[in-house]
C-alpha atoms as a PDB file:
ATOM      1  CA  MET A   1       0.048  -0.159   0.081  1.00  0.00           C
ATOM      2  CA  LEU A   2       1.259   3.356  -0.718  1.00  0.00           C
ATOM      3  CA  VAL A   3       0.646   6.309   1.554  1.00  0.00           C
ATOM      4  CA  LYS A   4       1.252   9.972   0.386  1.00  0.00           C
ATOM      5  CA  PHE A   5       4.039  11.647   2.556  1.00  0.00           C
ATOM      6  CA  ASN A   6       2.951  14.494   4.619  1.00  0.00           C
ATOM      7  CA  PRO A   7       5.986  16.302   6.054  1.00  0.00           C
ATOM      8  CA  LEU A   8       3.457  17.868   8.842  1.00  0.00           C
ATOM      9  CA  ASN A   9       2.894  14.144  10.194  1.00  0.00           C
ATOM     10  CA  SER A  10       6.558  13.289  10.036  1.00  0.00           C
ATOM     11  CA  ALA A  11       8.793  13.009  12.916  1.00  0.00           C
ATOM     12  CA  VAL A  12      11.314  15.068  11.085  1.00  0.00           C
ATOM     13  CA  ALA A  13       8.769  18.018  11.015  1.00  0.00           C
ATOM     14  CA  ARG A  14       8.353  17.921  14.587  1.00  0.00           C
ATOM     15  CA  ASP A  15      12.202  18.113  15.114  1.00  0.00           C
ATOM     16  CA  SER A  16      13.464  21.595  16.205  1.00  0.00           C
ATOM     17  CA  PHE A  17      15.818  22.186  13.656  1.00  0.00           C
ATOM     18  CA  PHE A  18      13.373  21.331  10.881  1.00  0.00           C
ATOM     19  CA  GLY A  19      10.604  23.496  12.402  1.00  0.00           C
ATOM     20  CA  ASP A  20      11.654  26.464  10.303  1.00  0.00           C
ATOM     21  CA  PHE A  21      11.066  24.464   7.233  1.00  0.00           C
ATOM     22  CA  PHE A  22       7.979  22.610   7.965  1.00  0.00           C
ATOM     23  CA  PRO A  23       5.850  24.854  10.284  1.00  0.00           C
ATOM     24  CA  THR A  24       3.903  22.719  13.033  1.00  0.00           C
ATOM     25  CA  VAL A  25       0.007  22.871  12.963  1.00  0.00           C
ATOM     26  CA  GLU A  26      -1.552  23.903  16.246  1.00  0.00           C
ATOM     27  CA  LYS A  27      -4.067  21.340  17.204  1.00  0.00           C
ATOM     28  CA  ALA A  28      -6.764  21.479  20.192  1.00  0.00           C
ATOM     29  CA  PHE A  29      -6.660  19.108  23.029  1.00  0.00           C
ATOM     30  CA  GLU A  30      -8.161  15.736  22.144  1.00  0.00           C
ATOM     31  CA  PRO A  31      -8.449  13.169  24.556  1.00  0.00           C
ATOM     32  CA  LYS A  32      -7.018   9.805  23.472  1.00  0.00           C
ATOM     33  CA  VAL A  33      -9.894   6.911  23.924  1.00  0.00           C
ATOM     34  CA  ASP A  34      -9.568   3.255  24.029  1.00  0.00           C
ATOM     35  CA  ILE A  35     -12.833   0.966  23.764  1.00  0.00           C
ATOM     36  CA  ARG A  36     -13.050  -2.575  24.931  1.00  0.00           C
ATOM     37  CA  GLU A  37     -15.711  -5.058  25.059  1.00  0.00           C
ATOM     38  CA  ASN A  38     -16.399  -8.279  27.309  1.00  0.00           C
ATOM     39  CA  ASP A  39     -19.478 -10.475  27.657  1.00  0.00           C
ATOM     40  CA  LYS A  40     -21.279  -7.883  29.955  1.00  0.00           C
ATOM     41  CA  GLU A  41     -20.195  -4.374  29.190  1.00  0.00           C
ATOM     42  CA  PHE A  42     -18.262  -2.121  26.852  1.00  0.00           C
ATOM     43  CA  VAL A  43     -15.446  -0.097  28.882  1.00  0.00           C
ATOM     44  CA  VAL A  44     -14.437   3.303  27.536  1.00  0.00           C
ATOM     45  CA  SER A  45     -11.153   4.687  28.871  1.00  0.00           C
ATOM     46  CA  ALA A  46     -10.307   8.253  28.042  1.00  0.00           C
ATOM     47  CA  GLU A  47      -7.116  10.005  29.021  1.00  0.00           C
ATOM     48  CA  LEU A  48      -7.647  13.492  30.502  1.00  0.00           C
ATOM     49  CA  PRO A  49      -4.356  14.584  32.177  1.00  0.00           C
ATOM     50  CA  GLY A  50      -4.375  17.548  33.813  1.00  0.00           C
ATOM     51  CA  LEU A  51      -8.222  18.012  34.310  1.00  0.00           C
ATOM     52  CA  ASN A  52     -10.425  18.015  37.172  1.00  0.00           C
ATOM     53  CA  LYS A  53     -14.070  16.515  37.177  1.00  0.00           C
ATOM     54  CA  GLU A  54     -15.300  20.119  36.921  1.00  0.00           C
ATOM     55  CA  ASP A  55     -13.716  20.380  33.552  1.00  0.00           C
ATOM     56  CA  PHE A  56     -15.632  18.134  31.460  1.00  0.00           C
ATOM     57  CA  LYS A  57     -19.067  16.623  31.482  1.00  0.00           C
ATOM     58  CA  LEU A  58     -20.345  13.275  30.175  1.00  0.00           C
ATOM     59  CA  THR A  59     -23.914  12.835  28.853  1.00  0.00           C
ATOM     60  CA  VAL A  60     -26.114  10.667  26.421  1.00  0.00           C
ATOM     61  CA  GLU A  61     -28.434  12.380  24.015  1.00  0.00           C
ATOM     62  CA  ASN A  62     -30.186  10.719  21.209  1.00  0.00           C
ATOM     63  CA  ASN A  63     -28.196   7.458  21.733  1.00  0.00           C
ATOM     64  CA  VAL A  64     -25.135   9.329  21.454  1.00  0.00           C
ATOM     65  CA  LEU A  65     -22.322   9.335  24.340  1.00  0.00           C
ATOM     66  CA  ILE A  66     -21.010  12.890  24.540  1.00  0.00           C
ATOM     67  CA  LEU A  67     -17.752  13.702  26.495  1.00  0.00           C
ATOM     68  CA  GLU A  68     -17.096  17.455  26.285  1.00  0.00           C
ATOM     69  CA  GLY A  69     -14.923  19.975  28.021  1.00  0.00           C
ATOM     70  CA  GLU A  70     -12.040  22.354  28.176  1.00  0.00           C
ATOM     71  CA  LYS A  71      -8.392  22.054  29.150  1.00  0.00           C
ATOM     72  CA  LYS A  72      -6.818  25.416  29.850  1.00  0.00           C
ATOM     73  CA  VAL A  73      -3.942  26.976  28.740  1.00  0.00           C
ATOM     74  CA  GLU A  74      -1.054  26.841  31.073  1.00  0.00           C
ATOM     75  CA  HIS A  75       2.234  28.796  30.598  1.00  0.00           C
ATOM     76  CA  GLU A  76       5.367  28.957  32.469  1.00  0.00           C
ATOM     77  CA  GLU A  77       7.505  31.850  31.949  1.00  0.00           C
ATOM     78  CA  THR A  78      11.292  31.962  32.692  1.00  0.00           C
ATOM     79  CA  GLU A  79      12.938  35.250  34.320  1.00  0.00           C
ATOM     80  CA  GLU A  80      13.998  36.071  30.551  1.00  0.00           C
ATOM     81  CA  GLY A  81      10.240  36.130  29.634  1.00  0.00           C
ATOM     82  CA  TYR A  82      10.974  33.078  27.146  1.00  0.00           C
ATOM     83  CA  TYR A  83       8.724  30.154  27.542  1.00  0.00           C
ATOM     84  CA  GLN A  84       8.061  26.818  25.354  1.00  0.00           C
ATOM     85  CA  ASN A  85       4.453  25.204  25.420  1.00  0.00           C
ATOM     86  CA  GLU A  86       4.350  21.993  24.063  1.00  0.00           C
ATOM     87  CA  ARG A  87       1.041  20.725  25.669  1.00  0.00           C
ATOM     88  CA  PHE A  88      -2.153  21.248  23.829  1.00  0.00           C
ATOM     89  CA  SER A  89      -5.073  22.908  25.387  1.00  0.00           C
ATOM     90  CA  GLY A  90      -8.519  24.063  24.241  1.00  0.00           C
ATOM     91  CA  ALA A  91     -12.231  22.995  24.343  1.00  0.00           C
ATOM     92  CA  PHE A  92     -13.038  19.172  23.129  1.00  0.00           C
ATOM     93  CA  LYS A  93     -15.786  17.053  22.198  1.00  0.00           C
ATOM     94  CA  ARG A  94     -15.852  13.330  21.695  1.00  0.00           C
ATOM     95  CA  SER A  95     -19.046  11.388  20.953  1.00  0.00           C
ATOM     96  CA  PHE A  96     -19.720   7.840  20.388  1.00  0.00           C
ATOM     97  CA  ARG A  97     -22.830   6.603  19.031  1.00  0.00           C
ATOM     98  CA  LEU A  98     -24.584   3.724  21.205  1.00  0.00           C
ATOM     99  CA  THR A  99     -26.454   0.555  19.732  1.00  0.00           C
ATOM    100  CA  ASP A 100     -29.694  -0.934  20.982  1.00  0.00           C
ATOM    101  CA  SER A 101     -27.475  -3.743  22.620  1.00  0.00           C
ATOM    102  CA  VAL A 102     -26.608  -1.524  25.510  1.00  0.00           C
ATOM    103  CA  ASN A 103     -28.355   0.109  28.415  1.00  0.00           C
ATOM    104  CA  SER A 104     -27.810   3.545  28.587  1.00  0.00           C
ATOM    105  CA  LYS A 105     -29.956   4.459  31.646  1.00  0.00           C
ATOM    106  CA  LYS A 106     -27.167   2.190  33.642  1.00  0.00           C
ATOM    107  CA  ILE A 107     -23.937   3.854  32.311  1.00  0.00           C
ATOM    108  CA  ASP A 108     -21.231   4.506  35.205  1.00  0.00           C
ATOM    109  CA  ALA A 109     -18.205   6.643  35.085  1.00  0.00           C
ATOM    110  CA  ASP A 110     -15.136   6.975  37.550  1.00  0.00           C
ATOM    111  CA  PHE A 111     -12.509   9.378  37.279  1.00  0.00           C
ATOM    112  CA  LYS A 112      -9.013   8.727  38.842  1.00  0.00           C
ATOM    113  CA  ASN A 113      -5.547   9.664  38.075  1.00  0.00           C
ATOM    114  CA  GLY A 114      -6.321  11.598  35.041  1.00  0.00           C
ATOM    115  CA  VAL A 115      -8.211   8.673  33.303  1.00  0.00           C
ATOM    116  CA  LEU A 116     -12.086   8.585  32.765  1.00  0.00           C
ATOM    117  CA  THR A 117     -13.216   5.211  32.811  1.00  0.00           C
ATOM    118  CA  ILE A 118     -16.886   4.848  31.571  1.00  0.00           C
ATOM    119  CA  THR A 119     -18.729   1.369  31.644  1.00  0.00           C
ATOM    120  CA  ILE A 120     -21.460   0.934  29.520  1.00  0.00           C
ATOM    121  CA  PRO A 121     -23.443  -2.431  30.449  1.00  0.00           C
ATOM    122  CA  LYS A 122     -24.983  -4.752  27.710  1.00  0.00           C
ATOM    123  CA  ALA A 123     -28.585  -4.603  27.529  1.00  0.00           C
ATOM    124  CA  GLU A 124     -30.235  -8.267  28.565  1.00  0.00           C
ATOM    125  CA  LYS A 125     -30.978 -10.184  25.430  1.00  0.00           C
ATOM    126  CA  ALA A 126     -34.562 -11.105  24.886  1.00  0.00           C
ATOM    127  CA  LYS A 127     -35.088 -14.659  25.808  1.00  0.00           C
ATOM    128  CA  PRO A 128     -36.900 -16.515  23.208  1.00  0.00           C
ATOM    129  CA  LYS A 129     -40.208 -17.435  24.518  1.00  0.00           C
ATOM    130  CA  GLU A 130     -42.005 -20.693  23.210  1.00  0.00           C
ATOM    131  CA  ILE A 131     -45.400 -20.053  22.279  1.00  0.00           C
ATOM    132  CA  GLU A 132     -47.772 -23.168  21.577  1.00  0.00           C
ATOM    133  CA  ILE A 133     -50.021 -22.793  18.738  1.00  0.00           C
ATOM    134  CA  LYS A 134     -53.250 -24.693  18.787  1.00  0.00           C
ATOM    135  CA  ILE A 135     -54.216 -26.736  15.796  1.00  0.00           C
ATOM    136  CA  ASN A 136     -57.575 -27.141  14.565  1.00  0.00           C
END
């Protein structure tokens, strides 16, 4: 498979020497997410480093799980007034469509050490019912 080379996505472009030749594109903060599944539930883990519970909210609307919030800008200035900021910041919004196979009313979330863990239980499958049909 051939992939078109994009110097902005290359490790070379992020090197400080080549930074003058290939300017980096600023990107807002976007939480990285892992999703796993087992027999009983889906588990979504989102990295939210440097955030507090008050900095984001988690909602379900029209069968869509929405994680949104804002990571504030932090600048550290040295005595000379120079600084370097490599951490992303800004407002973010991630959304995940839920299927009918989950019970959205029983979603649980836990936030610990900068990781939000969302547990989405699966709905109980409808058990097949045996219906006796009378034959005339």
